[in-house]
Amino acid sequence: MIGAIGLSLVPLAAAEAACTPPDCSLDFGSSGAYVTFGSAPTLGLASFTIETWFRRDGTGASVSTGTGGVTAIPLITKGRGRPTATTAT
């Protein structure tokens, strides 16, 4: 079962007035918007992959992997990195 909160379907082509899946995209119009797909225990998966295309509208907040590392703007994340010089590392 697919559930959605705080979002709307948007036509992929600008000339379309409305859309019928799968020819749509999701517009997460608020910071509290999300989509759930429910559990799928019959798949028996210990892990899975999320594949998506993003349209980034803002500048984002960059994070770094540390001194001499990589600086990037994460699109999907849980938490944030810490600087190398902290006592936690």
C-alpha atoms as a PDB file:
ATOM      1  CA  MET A   1       0.000   0.000   0.000  1.00  0.00           C
ATOM      2  CA  ILE A   2       1.371   3.414  -0.950  1.00  0.00           C
ATOM      3  CA  GLY A   3       0.628   6.364   1.310  1.00  0.00           C
ATOM      4  CA  ALA A   4       1.520  10.018   0.840  1.00  0.00           C
ATOM      5  CA  ILE A   5       1.367  13.092   3.064  1.00  0.00           C
ATOM      6  CA  GLY A   6       1.807  16.727   1.962  1.00  0.00           C
ATOM      7  CA  LEU A   7       2.637  16.173  -1.703  1.00  0.00           C
ATOM      8  CA  SER A   8       1.015  16.265  -5.121  1.00  0.00           C
ATOM      9  CA  LEU A   9       1.524  14.632  -8.522  1.00  0.00           C
ATOM     10  CA  VAL A  10       3.060  16.899 -11.147  1.00  0.00           C
ATOM     11  CA  PRO A  11       3.043  16.247 -14.934  1.00  0.00           C
ATOM     12  CA  LEU A  12       6.475  15.391 -16.347  1.00  0.00           C
ATOM     13  CA  ALA A  13       5.831  17.424 -19.503  1.00  0.00           C
ATOM     14  CA  ALA A  14       5.011  21.114 -19.006  1.00  0.00           C
ATOM     15  CA  ALA A  15       2.261  21.000 -21.658  1.00  0.00           C
ATOM     16  CA  GLU A  16       0.232  18.380 -19.790  1.00  0.00           C
ATOM     17  CA  ALA A  17      -2.694  19.633 -17.707  1.00  0.00           C
ATOM     18  CA  ALA A  18      -2.887  16.499 -15.544  1.00  0.00           C
ATOM     19  CA  CYS A  19      -0.994  13.272 -15.184  1.00  0.00           C
ATOM     20  CA  THR A  20      -1.680   9.594 -14.787  1.00  0.00           C
ATOM     21  CA  PRO A  21       1.041   7.463 -13.167  1.00  0.00           C
ATOM     22  CA  PRO A  22       3.668   6.524 -14.202  1.00  0.00           C
ATOM     23  CA  ASP A  23       3.962   9.756 -16.241  1.00  0.00           C
ATOM     24  CA  CYS A  24       4.175  11.945 -13.125  1.00  0.00           C
ATOM     25  CA  SER A  25       6.638  13.230 -10.601  1.00  0.00           C
ATOM     26  CA  LEU A  26       6.120  13.929  -6.897  1.00  0.00           C
ATOM     27  CA  ASP A  27       6.175  17.485  -5.592  1.00  0.00           C
ATOM     28  CA  PHE A  28       7.166  17.498  -1.913  1.00  0.00           C
ATOM     29  CA  GLY A  29       5.676  20.940  -1.295  1.00  0.00           C
ATOM     30  CA  SER A  30       6.523  21.104   2.413  1.00  0.00           C
ATOM     31  CA  SER A  31       9.262  20.004   4.781  1.00  0.00           C
ATOM     32  CA  GLY A  32       6.902  17.471   6.359  1.00  0.00           C
ATOM     33  CA  ALA A  33       5.962  15.700   3.107  1.00  0.00           C
ATOM     34  CA  TYR A  34       6.749  12.015   2.642  1.00  0.00           C
ATOM     35  CA  VAL A  35       5.735   8.831   0.839  1.00  0.00           C
ATOM     36  CA  THR A  36       5.450   5.395   2.423  1.00  0.00           C
ATOM     37  CA  PHE A  37       5.267   2.085   0.633  1.00  0.00           C
ATOM     38  CA  GLY A  38       4.470  -0.026   3.673  1.00  0.00           C
ATOM     39  CA  SER A  39       6.378  -3.154   4.605  1.00  0.00           C
ATOM     40  CA  ALA A  40       7.129  -5.896   2.113  1.00  0.00           C
ATOM     41  CA  PRO A  41       8.112  -8.902   4.245  1.00  0.00           C
ATOM     42  CA  THR A  42       7.501 -11.289   1.343  1.00  0.00           C
ATOM     43  CA  LEU A  43      10.537  -9.819  -0.417  1.00  0.00           C
ATOM     44  CA  GLY A  44      12.754 -11.076   2.412  1.00  0.00           C
ATOM     45  CA  LEU A  45      15.324  -8.334   1.872  1.00  0.00           C
ATOM     46  CA  ALA A  46      17.884  -7.353   4.478  1.00  0.00           C
ATOM     47  CA  SER A  47      18.760  -4.252   2.455  1.00  0.00           C
ATOM     48  CA  PHE A  48      17.476  -2.312  -0.532  1.00  0.00           C
ATOM     49  CA  THR A  49      18.489   0.450  -2.939  1.00  0.00           C
ATOM     50  CA  ILE A  50      16.727   3.772  -3.492  1.00  0.00           C
ATOM     51  CA  GLU A  51      17.043   5.138  -7.011  1.00  0.00           C
ATOM     52  CA  THR A  52      15.687   8.568  -7.838  1.00  0.00           C
ATOM     53  CA  TRP A  53      16.175  11.785  -9.760  1.00  0.00           C
ATOM     54  CA  PHE A  54      16.246  15.028  -7.771  1.00  0.00           C
ATOM     55  CA  ARG A  55      15.442  18.569  -8.805  1.00  0.00           C
ATOM     56  CA  ARG A  56      17.433  20.691  -6.411  1.00  0.00           C
ATOM     57  CA  ASP A  57      15.843  24.140  -5.988  1.00  0.00           C
ATOM     58  CA  GLY A  58      17.940  25.505  -3.120  1.00  0.00           C
ATOM     59  CA  THR A  59      21.637  25.978  -2.508  1.00  0.00           C
ATOM     60  CA  GLY A  60      21.860  23.171   0.039  1.00  0.00           C
ATOM     61  CA  ALA A  61      24.224  22.778   2.966  1.00  0.00           C
ATOM     62  CA  SER A  62      27.543  21.145   2.171  1.00  0.00           C
ATOM     63  CA  VAL A  63      29.259  18.586   4.389  1.00  0.00           C
ATOM     64  CA  SER A  64      32.790  17.219   4.303  1.00  0.00           C
ATOM     65  CA  THR A  65      34.309  13.799   4.960  1.00  0.00           C
ATOM     66  CA  GLY A  66      37.199  15.523   6.739  1.00  0.00           C
ATOM     67  CA  THR A  67      40.585  17.057   6.016  1.00  0.00           C
ATOM     68  CA  GLY A  68      41.631  16.194   2.464  1.00  0.00           C
ATOM     69  CA  GLY A  69      38.307  14.426   1.945  1.00  0.00           C
ATOM     70  CA  VAL A  70      35.245  15.077  -0.164  1.00  0.00           C
ATOM     71  CA  THR A  71      32.881  18.049   0.173  1.00  0.00           C
ATOM     72  CA  ALA A  72      29.371  17.362  -1.116  1.00  0.00           C
ATOM     73  CA  ILE A  73      25.717  18.323  -0.708  1.00  0.00           C
ATOM     74  CA  PRO A  74      23.905  15.177   0.494  1.00  0.00           C
ATOM     75  CA  LEU A  75      20.561  14.452  -1.121  1.00  0.00           C
ATOM     76  CA  ILE A  76      19.550  11.556   1.140  1.00  0.00           C
ATOM     77  CA  THR A  77      21.089  11.416   4.589  1.00  0.00           C
ATOM     78  CA  LYS A  78      20.606  10.427   8.186  1.00  0.00           C
ATOM     79  CA  GLY A  79      22.448  12.923  10.332  1.00  0.00           C
ATOM     80  CA  ARG A  80      25.530  14.900   9.289  1.00  0.00           C
ATOM     81  CA  GLY A  81      29.257  14.395   9.293  1.00  0.00           C
ATOM     82  CA  ARG A  82      31.527  15.842  11.973  1.00  0.00           C
ATOM     83  CA  PRO A  83      34.788  17.729  11.442  1.00  0.00           C
ATOM     84  CA  THR A  84      37.949  15.629  11.727  1.00  0.00           C
ATOM     85  CA  ALA A  85      39.279  17.604  14.717  1.00  0.00           C
ATOM     86  CA  THR A  86      36.465  16.682  17.140  1.00  0.00           C
ATOM     87  CA  THR A  87      36.996  14.491  20.197  1.00  0.00           C
ATOM     88  CA  ALA A  88      34.330  12.102  18.883  1.00  0.00           C
ATOM     89  CA  THR A  89      36.602  10.802  16.090  1.00  0.00           C
END
